[in-house]
Amino acid sequence: MCNEVLALEIRGRIHELKSEQVRLKDFIQSDQVLFEALEKAISELNWVLTKMESEGE
């Protein structure tokens, strides 16, 4: 009986975590898009900086 109760508790927690994961999916994806946009902007600014420095020499 104790194992059955524990199994029910574990199944319940798994269900809660899966629900939380589904709710966070869009948030995680939007963060990934933002991260990639920032990464691209940083790369472009580094390119501009390198070009400015090479032309200044």
N, C-alpha and C. Protein backbone atom coordinates (compact mmCIF):
# COMPACT_ATOMS: atom_id res chain seq x y z
N MET A 1 0.82 -1.19 0.00
CA MET A 1 0.00 0.00 0.00
C MET A 1 0.86 1.26 0.00
N CYS A 2 1.94 1.25 0.75
CA CYS A 2 2.83 2.41 0.84
C CYS A 2 3.45 2.71 -0.52
N ASN A 3 3.85 1.67 -1.25
CA ASN A 3 4.42 1.87 -2.58
C ASN A 3 3.39 2.43 -3.54
N GLU A 4 2.14 2.02 -3.41
CA GLU A 4 1.09 2.54 -4.29
C GLU A 4 0.87 4.03 -4.05
N VAL A 5 0.87 4.42 -2.79
CA VAL A 5 0.70 5.84 -2.45
C VAL A 5 1.87 6.65 -2.98
N LEU A 6 3.07 6.14 -2.80
CA LEU A 6 4.26 6.81 -3.28
C LEU A 6 4.23 6.93 -4.81
N ALA A 7 3.82 5.86 -5.48
CA ALA A 7 3.72 5.87 -6.93
C ALA A 7 2.71 6.92 -7.39
N LEU A 8 1.58 7.05 -6.70
CA LEU A 8 0.59 8.07 -7.03
C LEU A 8 1.17 9.48 -6.85
N GLU A 9 1.91 9.67 -5.77
CA GLU A 9 2.54 10.97 -5.52
C GLU A 9 3.55 11.31 -6.62
N ILE A 10 4.32 10.31 -7.01
CA ILE A 10 5.33 10.52 -8.06
C ILE A 10 4.65 10.83 -9.39
N ARG A 11 3.59 10.09 -9.74
CA ARG A 11 2.85 10.36 -10.97
C ARG A 11 2.27 11.77 -10.96
N GLY A 12 1.74 12.18 -9.82
CA GLY A 12 1.18 13.52 -9.68
C GLY A 12 2.24 14.59 -9.90
N ARG A 13 3.42 14.37 -9.30
CA ARG A 13 4.52 15.33 -9.46
C ARG A 13 5.00 15.37 -10.90
N ILE A 14 5.09 14.23 -11.55
CA ILE A 14 5.48 14.18 -12.96
C ILE A 14 4.48 14.98 -13.79
N HIS A 15 3.21 14.80 -13.52
CA HIS A 15 2.18 15.55 -14.25
C HIS A 15 2.35 17.05 -14.04
N GLU A 16 2.60 17.48 -12.79
CA GLU A 16 2.81 18.89 -12.50
C GLU A 16 4.00 19.44 -13.26
N LEU A 17 5.09 18.70 -13.27
CA LEU A 17 6.31 19.15 -13.95
C LEU A 17 6.11 19.24 -15.46
N LYS A 18 5.40 18.26 -16.04
CA LYS A 18 5.13 18.31 -17.47
C LYS A 18 4.26 19.51 -17.82
N SER A 19 3.26 19.81 -16.98
CA SER A 19 2.42 20.97 -17.21
C SER A 19 3.24 22.25 -17.16
N GLU A 20 4.14 22.33 -16.20
CA GLU A 20 5.00 23.51 -16.07
C GLU A 20 5.90 23.63 -17.30
N GLN A 21 6.41 22.51 -17.78
CA GLN A 21 7.27 22.50 -18.95
C GLN A 21 6.52 23.02 -20.18
N VAL A 22 5.28 22.61 -20.34
CA VAL A 22 4.47 23.06 -21.48
C VAL A 22 4.24 24.57 -21.38
N ARG A 23 3.94 25.06 -20.19
CA ARG A 23 3.71 26.51 -20.01
C ARG A 23 4.97 27.31 -20.30
N LEU A 24 6.14 26.76 -20.01
CA LEU A 24 7.40 27.47 -20.19
C LEU A 24 7.94 27.37 -21.62
N LYS A 25 7.39 26.49 -22.43
CA LYS A 25 7.93 26.25 -23.77
C LYS A 25 8.02 27.53 -24.60
N ASP A 26 6.94 28.31 -24.67
CA ASP A 26 6.96 29.55 -25.44
C ASP A 26 7.96 30.55 -24.87
N PHE A 27 8.03 30.63 -23.55
CA PHE A 27 8.97 31.54 -22.90
C PHE A 27 10.40 31.15 -23.24
N ILE A 28 10.70 29.88 -23.19
CA ILE A 28 12.05 29.40 -23.49
C ILE A 28 12.39 29.69 -24.95
N GLN A 29 11.45 29.45 -25.86
CA GLN A 29 11.69 29.70 -27.27
C GLN A 29 11.92 31.18 -27.53
N SER A 30 11.14 32.06 -26.89
CA SER A 30 11.33 33.49 -27.10
C SER A 30 12.68 33.93 -26.55
N ASP A 31 13.11 33.35 -25.43
CA ASP A 31 14.43 33.67 -24.90
C ASP A 31 15.52 33.22 -25.86
N GLN A 32 15.35 32.07 -26.50
CA GLN A 32 16.34 31.58 -27.45
C GLN A 32 16.44 32.52 -28.64
N VAL A 33 15.29 33.01 -29.12
CA VAL A 33 15.28 33.95 -30.25
C VAL A 33 16.00 35.24 -29.85
N LEU A 34 15.71 35.75 -28.65
CA LEU A 34 16.37 36.96 -28.16
C LEU A 34 17.87 36.73 -28.03
N PHE A 35 18.27 35.60 -27.49
CA PHE A 35 19.69 35.28 -27.34
C PHE A 35 20.39 35.30 -28.70
N GLU A 36 19.75 34.67 -29.70
CA GLU A 36 20.35 34.60 -31.03
C GLU A 36 20.42 35.99 -31.67
N ALA A 37 19.40 36.82 -31.46
CA ALA A 37 19.41 38.18 -32.00
C ALA A 37 20.54 39.00 -31.38
N LEU A 38 20.70 38.87 -30.06
CA LEU A 38 21.79 39.57 -29.39
C LEU A 38 23.15 39.08 -29.86
N GLU A 39 23.26 37.78 -30.04
CA GLU A 39 24.51 37.20 -30.52
C GLU A 39 24.87 37.75 -31.90
N LYS A 40 23.86 37.86 -32.78
CA LYS A 40 24.09 38.40 -34.12
C LYS A 40 24.49 39.86 -34.05
N ALA A 41 23.80 40.65 -33.21
CA ALA A 41 24.12 42.07 -33.08
C ALA A 41 25.55 42.26 -32.57
N ILE A 42 25.95 41.47 -31.59
CA ILE A 42 27.31 41.56 -31.06
C ILE A 42 28.32 41.21 -32.14
N SER A 43 28.04 40.18 -32.91
CA SER A 43 28.93 39.78 -34.00
C SER A 43 29.07 40.89 -35.03
N GLU A 44 27.95 41.52 -35.39
CA GLU A 44 27.99 42.61 -36.36
C GLU A 44 28.77 43.80 -35.82
N LEU A 45 28.58 44.13 -34.55
CA LEU A 45 29.32 45.25 -33.96
C LEU A 45 30.81 44.94 -33.88
N ASN A 46 31.16 43.71 -33.60
CA ASN A 46 32.58 43.32 -33.60
C ASN A 46 33.17 43.47 -34.99
N TRP A 47 32.39 43.14 -36.02
CA TRP A 47 32.85 43.28 -37.41
C TRP A 47 33.09 44.76 -37.73
N VAL A 48 32.14 45.62 -37.34
CA VAL A 48 32.29 47.06 -37.57
C VAL A 48 33.52 47.59 -36.84
N LEU A 49 33.69 47.19 -35.60
CA LEU A 49 34.84 47.64 -34.81
C LEU A 49 36.15 47.21 -35.45
N THR A 50 36.23 45.97 -35.88
CA THR A 50 37.43 45.47 -36.54
C THR A 50 37.72 46.26 -37.82
N LYS A 51 36.68 46.53 -38.59
CA LYS A 51 36.83 47.29 -39.83
C LYS A 51 37.32 48.71 -39.53
N MET A 52 36.74 49.35 -38.51
CA MET A 52 37.15 50.70 -38.15
C MET A 52 38.62 50.72 -37.70
N GLU A 53 39.00 49.75 -36.91
CA GLU A 53 40.38 49.69 -36.42
C GLU A 53 41.37 49.44 -37.55
N SER A 54 40.99 48.59 -38.49
CA SER A 54 41.91 48.28 -39.60
C SER A 54 42.04 49.48 -40.55
N GLU A 55 40.98 50.25 -40.73
CA GLU A 55 41.04 51.44 -41.58
C GLU A 55 41.77 52.57 -40.90
N GLY A 56 41.80 52.57 -39.59
CA GLY A 56 42.49 53.63 -38.84
C GLY A 56 43.99 53.45 -38.82
N GLU A 57 44.46 52.29 -39.14
CA GLU A 57 45.90 52.02 -39.07
C GLU A 57 46.64 52.51 -40.27
